[in-house]
Amino acid sequence: MKRKDGFVMRKVGERWVVVAVGEESKHFNGMVRMNDSGAFLYRQLEQEKTKEELALAMVQEYGIDETTAAKGVDKFLEAIADTGILED
């Protein structure tokens, strides 16, 4: 999976937000708030990645176990599922 172009992420206070720009804003006109680990995963999706690769990146970045990382990835993907951020 990979994220689409047409979304930008910025830090606002203690949170990260992702908003659609350009043509994508015609389909999604809200914002997605993320914590630091969500922002990390969002940046990982600049390149094509599997769920397993995302979890491994979490393990390496945060020093957590694979089960915790996989749960975090699943939660992140569920949170962005209906936003259109990911390519089909």
Protein backbone atom coordinates (compact mmCIF):
# COMPACT_ATOMS: atom_id res chain seq x y z
CA MET A 1 0.00 0.00 0.00
CA LYS A 2 1.04 3.57 -0.60
CA ARG A 3 -0.46 6.96 0.12
CA LYS A 4 -1.83 9.12 -2.66
CA ASP A 5 -0.47 12.44 -3.73
CA GLY A 6 -2.80 15.29 -2.88
CA PHE A 7 -2.52 15.08 0.90
CA VAL A 8 -0.20 17.11 3.11
CA MET A 9 0.80 16.64 6.73
CA ARG A 10 1.70 19.43 9.12
CA LYS A 11 2.32 19.65 12.84
CA VAL A 12 -0.20 21.79 14.71
CA GLY A 13 0.63 22.10 18.39
CA GLU A 14 1.29 18.62 19.73
CA ARG A 15 -0.58 16.81 16.94
CA TRP A 16 -0.06 16.13 13.29
CA VAL A 17 -2.85 16.79 10.80
CA VAL A 18 -3.31 15.56 7.25
CA VAL A 19 -5.52 17.47 4.85
CA ALA A 20 -6.40 17.01 1.21
CA VAL A 21 -5.26 19.60 -1.31
CA GLY A 22 -6.05 20.23 -4.96
CA GLU A 23 -8.26 17.64 -6.66
CA GLU A 24 -8.28 15.40 -3.59
CA SER A 25 -10.04 18.13 -1.61
CA LYS A 26 -13.10 17.56 -3.82
CA HIS A 27 -13.37 14.05 -2.36
CA PHE A 28 -12.20 14.60 1.21
CA ASN A 29 -12.62 17.97 2.87
CA GLY A 30 -11.89 17.08 6.47
CA MET A 31 -8.69 16.50 8.36
CA VAL A 32 -7.07 13.51 9.97
CA ARG A 33 -5.36 14.06 13.31
CA MET A 34 -2.39 11.84 14.16
CA ASN A 35 0.02 11.35 17.01
CA ASP A 36 3.76 10.98 16.41
CA SER A 37 3.58 7.27 15.59
CA GLY A 38 0.73 7.89 13.12
CA ALA A 39 2.82 10.60 11.46
CA PHE A 40 5.73 8.14 11.31
CA LEU A 41 3.55 5.57 9.55
CA TYR A 42 2.13 8.21 7.21
CA ARG A 43 5.68 9.14 6.15
CA GLN A 44 6.51 5.46 5.66
CA LEU A 45 3.72 5.26 3.09
CA GLU A 46 5.54 7.59 0.71
CA GLN A 47 6.89 4.30 -0.67
CA GLU A 48 4.94 1.10 -1.32
CA LYS A 49 4.88 -0.91 1.94
CA THR A 50 3.14 -4.01 3.23
CA LYS A 51 1.57 -4.16 6.68
CA GLU A 52 4.48 -6.33 7.75
CA GLU A 53 7.02 -3.76 6.53
CA LEU A 54 5.17 -1.02 8.41
CA ALA A 55 5.20 -3.09 11.60
CA LEU A 56 8.92 -3.82 11.21
CA ALA A 57 9.59 -0.10 10.76
CA MET A 58 7.69 0.55 14.02
CA VAL A 59 9.77 -2.10 15.81
CA GLN A 60 12.99 -0.51 14.57
CA GLU A 61 11.93 3.09 15.27
CA TYR A 62 10.30 2.65 18.67
CA GLY A 63 11.90 -0.54 20.04
CA ILE A 64 8.53 -2.22 20.61
CA ASP A 65 7.64 -5.87 20.09
CA GLU A 66 6.18 -7.12 16.82
CA THR A 67 2.71 -7.82 18.25
CA THR A 68 2.35 -4.30 19.60
CA ALA A 69 3.65 -2.86 16.33
CA ALA A 70 1.20 -4.93 14.25
CA LYS A 71 -1.71 -3.79 16.42
CA GLY A 72 -0.61 -0.18 16.03
CA VAL A 73 -0.39 -0.53 12.25
CA ASP A 74 -3.86 -2.10 12.13
CA LYS A 75 -5.31 0.72 14.24
CA PHE A 76 -3.66 3.34 12.01
CA LEU A 77 -4.93 1.71 8.81
CA GLU A 78 -8.45 1.45 10.23
CA ALA A 79 -8.36 5.14 11.17
CA ILE A 80 -7.46 6.25 7.64
CA ALA A 81 -9.46 3.64 5.73
CA ASP A 82 -12.30 5.94 4.68
CA THR A 83 -10.25 9.06 4.02
CA GLY A 84 -8.98 8.21 0.54
CA ILE A 85 -5.36 8.68 1.64
CA LEU A 86 -4.31 5.26 0.39
CA GLU A 87 -4.09 4.31 -3.26
CA ASP A 88 -6.60 1.71 -4.40
